Amino acid sequence: IVLLQEELKMAKDYFYLIQTRYGDAYTFEVVDESAIKMSS
């Protein structure tokens, strides 16, 4: 297993390869709805 943060960075690099290969045939959007308090 790996940190999700690192996996997301990898996913963005990976999607760059897809967009370069296929152009506008694919679009990519990331939305984080998991904001929480770091401290009480």
ModelCIF file with pLDDT and N, C-alpha, C, O atoms, coordinates in Angstrom:
data_MODEL
#
_entry.id   MODEL 
#
_entity.id                         1 
_entity.type                       polymer 
_entity.pdbx_number_of_molecules   1 
#
_entity_poly.entity_id                      1 
_entity_poly.type                           'polypeptide(L)' 
_entity_poly.nstd_linkage                   no 
_entity_poly.nstd_monomer                   no 
_entity_poly.pdbx_seq_one_letter_code       IVLLQEELKMAKDYFYLIQTRYGDAYTFEVVDESAIKMSS 
_entity_poly.pdbx_seq_one_letter_code_can   IVLLQEELKMAKDYFYLIQTRYGDAYTFEVVDESAIKMSS 
_entity_poly.pdbx_strand_id                 A 
#
loop_
_entity_poly_seq.entity_id 
_entity_poly_seq.num 
_entity_poly_seq.mon_id 
_entity_poly_seq.hetero 
1 1  ILE n 
1 2  VAL n 
1 3  LEU n 
1 4  LEU n 
1 5  GLN n 
1 6  GLU n 
1 7  GLU n 
1 8  LEU n 
1 9  LYS n 
1 10 MET n 
1 11 ALA n 
1 12 LYS n 
1 13 ASP n 
1 14 TYR n 
1 15 PHE n 
1 16 TYR n 
1 17 LEU n 
1 18 ILE n 
1 19 GLN n 
1 20 THR n 
1 21 ARG n 
1 22 TYR n 
1 23 GLY n 
1 24 ASP n 
1 25 ALA n 
1 26 TYR n 
1 27 THR n 
1 28 PHE n 
1 29 GLU n 
1 30 VAL n 
1 31 VAL n 
1 32 ASP n 
1 33 GLU n 
1 34 SER n 
1 35 ALA n 
1 36 ILE n 
1 37 LYS n 
1 38 MET n 
1 39 SER n 
1 40 SER n 
#
_struct_asym.id          A 
_struct_asym.entity_id   1 
#
loop_
_ma_qa_metric.id 
_ma_qa_metric.mode 
_ma_qa_metric.name 
_ma_qa_metric.software_group_id 
_ma_qa_metric.type 
1 global pLDDT . pLDDT 
2 local  pLDDT . pLDDT 
#
_ma_qa_metric_global.metric_id      1 
_ma_qa_metric_global.metric_value   79.53 
_ma_qa_metric_global.model_id       1 
_ma_qa_metric_global.ordinal_id     1 
#
loop_
_ma_qa_metric_local.label_asym_id 
_ma_qa_metric_local.label_comp_id 
_ma_qa_metric_local.label_seq_id 
_ma_qa_metric_local.metric_id 
_ma_qa_metric_local.metric_value 
_ma_qa_metric_local.model_id 
_ma_qa_metric_local.ordinal_id 
A ILE 1  2 84.00 1 1  
A VAL 2  2 88.00 1 2  
A LEU 3  2 90.00 1 3  
A LEU 4  2 88.00 1 4  
A GLN 5  2 87.00 1 5  
A GLU 6  2 90.00 1 6  
A GLU 7  2 90.00 1 7  
A LEU 8  2 90.00 1 8  
A LYS 9  2 89.00 1 9  
A MET 10 2 89.00 1 10 
A ALA 11 2 89.00 1 11 
A LYS 12 2 88.00 1 12 
A ASP 13 2 89.00 1 13 
A TYR 14 2 87.00 1 14 
A PHE 15 2 88.00 1 15 
A TYR 16 2 89.00 1 16 
A LEU 17 2 89.00 1 17 
A ILE 18 2 87.00 1 18 
A GLN 19 2 87.00 1 19 
A THR 20 2 88.00 1 20 
A ARG 21 2 84.00 1 21 
A TYR 22 2 84.00 1 22 
A GLY 23 2 83.00 1 23 
A ASP 24 2 83.00 1 24 
A ALA 25 2 87.00 1 25 
A TYR 26 2 89.00 1 26 
A THR 27 2 89.00 1 27 
A PHE 28 2 88.00 1 28 
A GLU 29 2 89.00 1 29 
A VAL 30 2 87.00 1 30 
A VAL 31 2 87.00 1 31 
A ASP 32 2 83.00 1 32 
A GLU 33 2 78.00 1 33 
A SER 34 2 71.00 1 34 
A ALA 35 2 55.00 1 35 
A ILE 36 2 43.00 1 36 
A LYS 37 2 35.00 1 37 
A MET 38 2 33.00 1 38 
A SER 39 2 33.00 1 39 
A SER 40 2 34.00 1 40 
#
loop_
_atom_site.group_PDB 
_atom_site.id 
_atom_site.type_symbol 
_atom_site.label_atom_id 
_atom_site.label_alt_id 
_atom_site.label_comp_id 
_atom_site.label_asym_id 
_atom_site.label_entity_id 
_atom_site.label_seq_id 
_atom_site.pdbx_PDB_ins_code 
_atom_site.Cartn_x 
_atom_site.Cartn_y 
_atom_site.Cartn_z 
_atom_site.occupancy 
_atom_site.B_iso_or_equiv 
_atom_site.pdbx_formal_charge 
_atom_site.auth_seq_id 
_atom_site.auth_comp_id 
_atom_site.auth_asym_id 
_atom_site.auth_atom_id 
_atom_site.pdbx_PDB_model_num 
ATOM 1   N N  . ILE A 1 1  ? 0.843   -1.188 0.000   1.00 84.00 ? 1  ILE A N  1 
ATOM 2   C CA . ILE A 1 1  ? 0.000   0.000  0.000   1.00 84.00 ? 1  ILE A CA 1 
ATOM 3   C C  . ILE A 1 1  ? 0.880   1.240  0.000   1.00 84.00 ? 1  ILE A C  1 
ATOM 4   O O  . ILE A 1 1  ? 2.039   1.192  0.413   1.00 84.00 ? 1  ILE A O  1 
ATOM 5   N N  . VAL A 1 2  ? 0.316   2.356  -0.470  1.00 88.00 ? 2  VAL A N  1 
ATOM 6   C CA . VAL A 1 2  ? 1.032   3.632  -0.517  1.00 88.00 ? 2  VAL A CA 1 
ATOM 7   C C  . VAL A 1 2  ? 0.092   4.740  -0.064  1.00 88.00 ? 2  VAL A C  1 
ATOM 8   O O  . VAL A 1 2  ? -1.126  4.561  -0.027  1.00 88.00 ? 2  VAL A O  1 
ATOM 9   N N  . LEU A 1 3  ? 0.666   5.880  0.276   1.00 90.00 ? 3  LEU A N  1 
ATOM 10  C CA . LEU A 1 3  ? -0.154  7.038  0.612   1.00 90.00 ? 3  LEU A CA 1 
ATOM 11  C C  . LEU A 1 3  ? -1.000  7.449  -0.589  1.00 90.00 ? 3  LEU A C  1 
ATOM 12  O O  . LEU A 1 3  ? -0.508  7.474  -1.717  1.00 90.00 ? 3  LEU A O  1 
ATOM 13  N N  . LEU A 1 4  ? -2.243  7.764  -0.356  1.00 88.00 ? 4  LEU A N  1 
ATOM 14  C CA . LEU A 1 4  ? -3.129  8.186  -1.433  1.00 88.00 ? 4  LEU A CA 1 
ATOM 15  C C  . LEU A 1 4  ? -2.595  9.438  -2.115  1.00 88.00 ? 4  LEU A C  1 
ATOM 16  O O  . LEU A 1 4  ? -2.744  9.603  -3.325  1.00 88.00 ? 4  LEU A O  1 
ATOM 17  N N  . GLN A 1 5  ? -1.969  10.323 -1.334  1.00 87.00 ? 5  GLN A N  1 
ATOM 18  C CA . GLN A 1 5  ? -1.401  11.540 -1.888  1.00 87.00 ? 5  GLN A CA 1 
ATOM 19  C C  . GLN A 1 5  ? -0.372  11.218 -2.971  1.00 87.00 ? 5  GLN A C  1 
ATOM 20  O O  . GLN A 1 5  ? -0.345  11.866 -4.018  1.00 87.00 ? 5  GLN A O  1 
ATOM 21  N N  . GLU A 1 6  ? 0.470   10.221 -2.721  1.00 90.00 ? 6  GLU A N  1 
ATOM 22  C CA . GLU A 1 6  ? 1.475   9.821  -3.698  1.00 90.00 ? 6  GLU A CA 1 
ATOM 23  C C  . GLU A 1 6  ? 0.832   9.152  -4.911  1.00 90.00 ? 6  GLU A C  1 
ATOM 24  O O  . GLU A 1 6  ? 1.261   9.358  -6.046  1.00 90.00 ? 6  GLU A O  1 
ATOM 25  N N  . GLU A 1 7  ? -0.192  8.357  -4.659  1.00 90.00 ? 7  GLU A N  1 
ATOM 26  C CA . GLU A 1 7  ? -0.884  7.686  -5.757  1.00 90.00 ? 7  GLU A CA 1 
ATOM 27  C C  . GLU A 1 7  ? -1.605  8.695  -6.656  1.00 90.00 ? 7  GLU A C  1 
ATOM 28  O O  . GLU A 1 7  ? -1.690  8.506  -7.869  1.00 90.00 ? 7  GLU A O  1 
ATOM 29  N N  . LEU A 1 8  ? -2.125  9.769  -6.045  1.00 90.00 ? 8  LEU A N  1 
ATOM 30  C CA . LEU A 1 8  ? -2.781  10.816 -6.840  1.00 90.00 ? 8  LEU A CA 1 
ATOM 31  C C  . LEU A 1 8  ? -1.781  11.546 -7.735  1.00 90.00 ? 8  LEU A C  1 
ATOM 32  O O  . LEU A 1 8  ? -2.096  11.873 -8.879  1.00 90.00 ? 8  LEU A O  1 
ATOM 33  N N  . LYS A 1 9  ? -0.600  11.796 -7.229  1.00 89.00 ? 9  LYS A N  1 
ATOM 34  C CA . LYS A 1 9  ? 0.444   12.433 -8.031  1.00 89.00 ? 9  LYS A CA 1 
ATOM 35  C C  . LYS A 1 9  ? 0.816   11.540 -9.210  1.00 89.00 ? 9  LYS A C  1 
ATOM 36  O O  . LYS A 1 9  ? 0.995   12.012 -10.333 1.00 89.00 ? 9  LYS A O  1 
ATOM 37  N N  . MET A 1 10 ? 0.928   10.239 -8.934  1.00 89.00 ? 10 MET A N  1 
ATOM 38  C CA . MET A 1 10 ? 1.206   9.291  -10.002 1.00 89.00 ? 10 MET A CA 1 
ATOM 39  C C  . MET A 1 10 ? 0.087   9.301  -11.041 1.00 89.00 ? 10 MET A C  1 
ATOM 40  O O  . MET A 1 10 ? 0.348   9.250  -12.243 1.00 89.00 ? 10 MET A O  1 
ATOM 41  N N  . ALA A 1 11 ? -1.168  9.366  -10.568 1.00 89.00 ? 11 ALA A N  1 
ATOM 42  C CA . ALA A 1 11 ? -2.320  9.351  -11.472 1.00 89.00 ? 11 ALA A CA 1 
ATOM 43  C C  . ALA A 1 11 ? -2.314  10.553 -12.405 1.00 89.00 ? 11 ALA A C  1 
ATOM 44  O O  . ALA A 1 11 ? -2.673  10.439 -13.577 1.00 89.00 ? 11 ALA A O  1 
ATOM 45  N N  . LYS A 1 12 ? -1.908  11.703 -11.885 1.00 88.00 ? 12 LYS A N  1 
ATOM 46  C CA . LYS A 1 12 ? -1.846  12.911 -12.726 1.00 88.00 ? 12 LYS A CA 1 
ATOM 47  C C  . LYS A 1 12 ? -0.769  12.772 -13.801 1.00 88.00 ? 12 LYS A C  1 
ATOM 48  O O  . LYS A 1 12 ? -0.974  13.166 -14.949 1.00 88.00 ? 12 LYS A O  1 
ATOM 49  N N  . ASP A 1 13 ? 0.385   12.207 -13.420 1.00 89.00 ? 13 ASP A N  1 
ATOM 50  C CA . ASP A 1 13 ? 1.423   11.951 -14.425 1.00 89.00 ? 13 ASP A CA 1 
ATOM 51  C C  . ASP A 1 13 ? 0.924   10.946 -15.455 1.00 89.00 ? 13 ASP A C  1 
ATOM 52  O O  . ASP A 1 13 ? 1.160   11.096 -16.654 1.00 89.00 ? 13 ASP A O  1 
ATOM 53  N N  . TYR A 1 14 ? 0.243   9.938  -14.978 1.00 87.00 ? 14 TYR A N  1 
ATOM 54  C CA . TYR A 1 14 ? -0.265  8.913  -15.872 1.00 87.00 ? 14 TYR A CA 1 
ATOM 55  C C  . TYR A 1 14 ? -1.300  9.486  -16.835 1.00 87.00 ? 14 TYR A C  1 
ATOM 56  O O  . TYR A 1 14 ? -1.322  9.138  -18.015 1.00 87.00 ? 14 TYR A O  1 
ATOM 57  N N  . PHE A 1 15 ? -2.159  10.371 -16.319 1.00 88.00 ? 15 PHE A N  1 
ATOM 58  C CA . PHE A 1 15 ? -3.179  10.946 -17.189 1.00 88.00 ? 15 PHE A CA 1 
ATOM 59  C C  . PHE A 1 15 ? -2.561  11.887 -18.225 1.00 88.00 ? 15 PHE A C  1 
ATOM 60  O O  . PHE A 1 15 ? -3.094  12.035 -19.324 1.00 88.00 ? 15 PHE A O  1 
ATOM 61  N N  . TYR A 1 16 ? -1.437  12.523 -17.876 1.00 89.00 ? 16 TYR A N  1 
ATOM 62  C CA . TYR A 1 16 ? -0.722  13.346 -18.869 1.00 89.00 ? 16 TYR A CA 1 
ATOM 63  C C  . TYR A 1 16 ? -0.315  12.486 -20.062 1.00 89.00 ? 16 TYR A C  1 
ATOM 64  O O  . TYR A 1 16 ? -0.424  12.914 -21.211 1.00 89.00 ? 16 TYR A O  1 
ATOM 65  N N  . LEU A 1 17 ? 0.156   11.264 -19.780 1.00 89.00 ? 17 LEU A N  1 
ATOM 66  C CA . LEU A 1 17 ? 0.539   10.364 -20.869 1.00 89.00 ? 17 LEU A CA 1 
ATOM 67  C C  . LEU A 1 17 ? -0.668  10.010 -21.732 1.00 89.00 ? 17 LEU A C  1 
ATOM 68  O O  . LEU A 1 17 ? -0.559  9.913  -22.954 1.00 89.00 ? 17 LEU A O  1 
ATOM 69  N N  . ILE A 1 18 ? -1.814  9.817  -21.091 1.00 87.00 ? 18 ILE A N  1 
ATOM 70  C CA . ILE A 1 18 ? -3.030  9.476  -21.834 1.00 87.00 ? 18 ILE A CA 1 
ATOM 71  C C  . ILE A 1 18 ? -3.466  10.649 -22.716 1.00 87.00 ? 18 ILE A C  1 
ATOM 72  O O  . ILE A 1 18 ? -3.795  10.460 -23.887 1.00 87.00 ? 18 ILE A O  1 
ATOM 73  N N  . GLN A 1 19 ? -3.466  11.853 -22.156 1.00 87.00 ? 19 GLN A N  1 
ATOM 74  C CA . GLN A 1 19 ? -3.884  13.030 -22.928 1.00 87.00 ? 19 GLN A CA 1 
ATOM 75  C C  . GLN A 1 19 ? -2.938  13.291 -24.088 1.00 87.00 ? 19 GLN A C  1 
ATOM 76  O O  . GLN A 1 19 ? -3.364  13.688 -25.172 1.00 87.00 ? 19 GLN A O  1 
ATOM 77  N N  . THR A 1 20 ? -1.653  13.065 -23.853 1.00 88.00 ? 20 THR A N  1 
ATOM 78  C CA . THR A 1 20 ? -0.688  13.254 -24.938 1.00 88.00 ? 20 THR A CA 1 
ATOM 79  C C  . THR A 1 20 ? -0.923  12.251 -26.052 1.00 88.00 ? 20 THR A C  1 
ATOM 80  O O  . THR A 1 20 ? -0.775  12.567 -27.233 1.00 88.00 ? 20 THR A O  1 
ATOM 81  N N  . ARG A 1 21 ? -1.282  11.068 -25.674 1.00 84.00 ? 21 ARG A N  1 
ATOM 82  C CA . ARG A 1 21 ? -1.494  10.002 -26.660 1.00 84.00 ? 21 ARG A CA 1 
ATOM 83  C C  . ARG A 1 21 ? -2.817  10.153 -27.404 1.00 84.00 ? 21 ARG A C  1 
ATOM 84  O O  . ARG A 1 21 ? -2.883  9.922  -28.611 1.00 84.00 ? 21 ARG A O  1 
ATOM 85  N N  . TYR A 1 22 ? -3.887  10.546 -26.672 1.00 84.00 ? 22 TYR A N  1 
ATOM 86  C CA . TYR A 1 22 ? -5.217  10.566 -27.269 1.00 84.00 ? 22 TYR A CA 1 
ATOM 87  C C  . TYR A 1 22 ? -5.797  11.968 -27.456 1.00 84.00 ? 22 TYR A C  1 
ATOM 88  O O  . TYR A 1 22 ? -6.891  12.107 -28.004 1.00 84.00 ? 22 TYR A O  1 
ATOM 89  N N  . GLY A 1 23 ? -5.091  13.005 -27.014 1.00 83.00 ? 23 GLY A N  1 
ATOM 90  C CA . GLY A 1 23 ? -5.595  14.363 -27.171 1.00 83.00 ? 23 GLY A CA 1 
ATOM 91  C C  . GLY A 1 23 ? -6.794  14.636 -26.285 1.00 83.00 ? 23 GLY A C  1 
ATOM 92  O O  . GLY A 1 23 ? -6.803  14.260 -25.113 1.00 83.00 ? 23 GLY A O  1 
ATOM 93  N N  . ASP A 1 24 ? -7.816  15.295 -26.844 1.00 83.00 ? 24 ASP A N  1 
ATOM 94  C CA . ASP A 1 24 ? -9.009  15.674 -26.076 1.00 83.00 ? 24 ASP A CA 1 
ATOM 95  C C  . ASP A 1 24 ? -10.031 14.546 -25.940 1.00 83.00 ? 24 ASP A C  1 
ATOM 96  O O  . ASP A 1 24 ? -11.153 14.772 -25.485 1.00 83.00 ? 24 ASP A O  1 
ATOM 97  N N  . ALA A 1 25 ? -9.651  13.355 -26.328 1.00 87.00 ? 25 ALA A N  1 
ATOM 98  C CA . ALA A 1 25 ? -10.595 12.238 -26.234 1.00 87.00 ? 25 ALA A CA 1 
ATOM 99  C C  . ALA A 1 25 ? -10.904 11.904 -24.776 1.00 87.00 ? 25 ALA A C  1 
ATOM 100 O O  . ALA A 1 25 ? -11.932 11.296 -24.479 1.00 87.00 ? 25 ALA A O  1 
ATOM 101 N N  . TYR A 1 26 ? -10.002 12.307 -23.859 1.00 89.00 ? 26 TYR A N  1 
ATOM 102 C CA . TYR A 1 26 ? -10.205 12.056 -22.432 1.00 89.00 ? 26 TYR A CA 1 
ATOM 103 C C  . TYR A 1 26 ? -9.929  13.328 -21.643 1.00 89.00 ? 26 TYR A C  1 
ATOM 104 O O  . TYR A 1 26 ? -8.957  14.038 -21.902 1.00 89.00 ? 26 TYR A O  1 
ATOM 105 N N  . THR A 1 27 ? -10.801 13.604 -20.675 1.00 89.00 ? 27 THR A N  1 
ATOM 106 C CA . THR A 1 27 ? -10.585 14.721 -19.754 1.00 89.00 ? 27 THR A CA 1 
ATOM 107 C C  . THR A 1 27 ? -10.549 14.172 -18.331 1.00 89.00 ? 27 THR A C  1 
ATOM 108 O O  . THR A 1 27 ? -11.093 13.104 -18.050 1.00 89.00 ? 27 THR A O  1 
ATOM 109 N N  . PHE A 1 28 ? -9.905  14.912 -17.448 1.00 88.00 ? 28 PHE A N  1 
ATOM 110 C CA . PHE A 1 28 ? -9.619  14.394 -16.108 1.00 88.00 ? 28 PHE A CA 1 
ATOM 111 C C  . PHE A 1 28 ? -9.909  15.463 -15.069 1.00 88.00 ? 28 PHE A C  1 
ATOM 112 O O  . PHE A 1 28 ? -9.509  16.616 -15.230 1.00 88.00 ? 28 PHE A O  1 
ATOM 113 N N  . GLU A 1 29 ? -10.612 15.081 -13.992 1.00 89.00 ? 29 GLU A N  1 
ATOM 114 C CA . GLU A 1 29 ? -10.943 16.027 -12.922 1.00 89.00 ? 29 GLU A CA 1 
ATOM 115 C C  . GLU A 1 29 ? -10.852 15.320 -11.566 1.00 89.00 ? 29 GLU A C  1 
ATOM 116 O O  . GLU A 1 29 ? -11.344 14.203 -11.402 1.00 89.00 ? 29 GLU A O  1 
ATOM 117 N N  . VAL A 1 30 ? -10.212 15.991 -10.593 1.00 87.00 ? 30 VAL A N  1 
ATOM 118 C CA . VAL A 1 30 ? -10.079 15.465 -9.238  1.00 87.00 ? 30 VAL A CA 1 
ATOM 119 C C  . VAL A 1 30 ? -10.778 16.395 -8.266  1.00 87.00 ? 30 VAL A C  1 
ATOM 120 O O  . VAL A 1 30 ? -10.513 17.598 -8.259  1.00 87.00 ? 30 VAL A O  1 
ATOM 121 N N  . VAL A 1 31 ? -11.668 15.854 -7.445  1.00 87.00 ? 31 VAL A N  1 
ATOM 122 C CA . VAL A 1 31 ? -12.376 16.636 -6.432  1.00 87.00 ? 31 VAL A CA 1 
ATOM 123 C C  . VAL A 1 31 ? -12.197 15.947 -5.089  1.00 87.00 ? 31 VAL A C  1 
ATOM 124 O O  . VAL A 1 31 ? -12.539 14.775 -4.937  1.00 87.00 ? 31 VAL A O  1 
ATOM 125 N N  . ASP A 1 32 ? -11.657 16.679 -4.106  1.00 83.00 ? 32 ASP A N  1 
ATOM 126 C CA . ASP A 1 32 ? -11.437 16.129 -2.772  1.00 83.00 ? 32 ASP A CA 1 
ATOM 127 C C  . ASP A 1 32 ? -12.514 16.654 -1.833  1.00 83.00 ? 32 ASP A C  1 
ATOM 128 O O  . ASP A 1 32 ? -12.553 17.846 -1.529  1.00 83.00 ? 32 ASP A O  1 
ATOM 129 N N  . GLU A 1 33 ? -13.392 15.758 -1.372  1.00 78.00 ? 33 GLU A N  1 
ATOM 130 C CA . GLU A 1 33 ? -14.477 16.133 -0.460  1.00 78.00 ? 33 GLU A CA 1 
ATOM 131 C C  . GLU A 1 33 ? -14.183 15.680 0.975   1.00 78.00 ? 33 GLU A C  1 
ATOM 132 O O  . GLU A 1 33 ? -15.088 15.622 1.808   1.00 78.00 ? 33 GLU A O  1 
ATOM 133 N N  . SER A 1 34 ? -12.913 15.359 1.262   1.00 71.00 ? 34 SER A N  1 
ATOM 134 C CA . SER A 1 34 ? -12.602 14.736 2.551   1.00 71.00 ? 34 SER A CA 1 
ATOM 135 C C  . SER A 1 34 ? -11.899 15.669 3.527   1.00 71.00 ? 34 SER A C  1 
ATOM 136 O O  . SER A 1 34 ? -11.182 15.201 4.413   1.00 71.00 ? 34 SER A O  1 
ATOM 137 N N  . ALA A 1 35 ? -12.089 16.992 3.383   1.00 55.00 ? 35 ALA A N  1 
ATOM 138 C CA . ALA A 1 35 ? -11.423 17.933 4.275   1.00 55.00 ? 35 ALA A CA 1 
ATOM 139 C C  . ALA A 1 35 ? -11.845 17.688 5.724   1.00 55.00 ? 35 ALA A C  1 
ATOM 140 O O  . ALA A 1 35 ? -13.035 17.611 6.028   1.00 55.00 ? 35 ALA A O  1 
ATOM 141 N N  . ILE A 1 36 ? -10.863 17.568 6.608   1.00 43.00 ? 36 ILE A N  1 
ATOM 142 C CA . ILE A 1 36 ? -11.131 17.382 8.034   1.00 43.00 ? 36 ILE A CA 1 
ATOM 143 C C  . ILE A 1 36 ? -10.230 18.289 8.840   1.00 43.00 ? 36 ILE A C  1 
ATOM 144 O O  . ILE A 1 36 ? -9.283  18.864 8.304   1.00 43.00 ? 36 ILE A O  1 
ATOM 145 N N  . LYS A 1 37 ? -10.515 18.421 10.121  1.00 35.00 ? 37 LYS A N  1 
ATOM 146 C CA . LYS A 1 37 ? -9.679  19.231 10.991  1.00 35.00 ? 37 LYS A CA 1 
ATOM 147 C C  . LYS A 1 37 ? -8.410  18.472 11.330  1.00 35.00 ? 37 LYS A C  1 
ATOM 148 O O  . LYS A 1 37 ? -8.442  17.296 11.692  1.00 35.00 ? 37 LYS A O  1 
ATOM 149 N N  . MET A 1 38 ? -7.297  19.171 11.206  1.00 33.00 ? 38 MET A N  1 
ATOM 150 C CA . MET A 1 38 ? -6.025  18.563 11.577  1.00 33.00 ? 38 MET A CA 1 
ATOM 151 C C  . MET A 1 38 ? -5.848  18.582 13.085  1.00 33.00 ? 38 MET A C  1 
ATOM 152 O O  . MET A 1 38 ? -5.175  17.714 13.641  1.00 33.00 ? 38 MET A O  1 
ATOM 153 N N  . SER A 1 39 ? -6.457  19.582 13.766  1.00 33.00 ? 39 SER A N  1 
ATOM 154 C CA . SER A 1 39 ? -6.325  19.683 15.206  1.00 33.00 ? 39 SER A CA 1 
ATOM 155 C C  . SER A 1 39 ? -7.651  20.112 15.794  1.00 33.00 ? 39 SER A C  1 
ATOM 156 O O  . SER A 1 39 ? -8.383  20.888 15.181  1.00 33.00 ? 39 SER A O  1 
ATOM 157 N N  . SER A 1 40 ? -7.967  19.611 16.983  1.00 34.00 ? 40 SER A N  1 
ATOM 158 C CA . SER A 1 40 ? -9.201  19.984 17.663  1.00 34.00 ? 40 SER A CA 1 
ATOM 159 C C  . SER A 1 40 ? -9.046  21.304 18.404  1.00 34.00 ? 40 SER A C  1 
ATOM 160 O O  . SER A 1 40 ? -9.993  21.772 19.035  1.00 34.00 ? 40 SER A O  1 
#
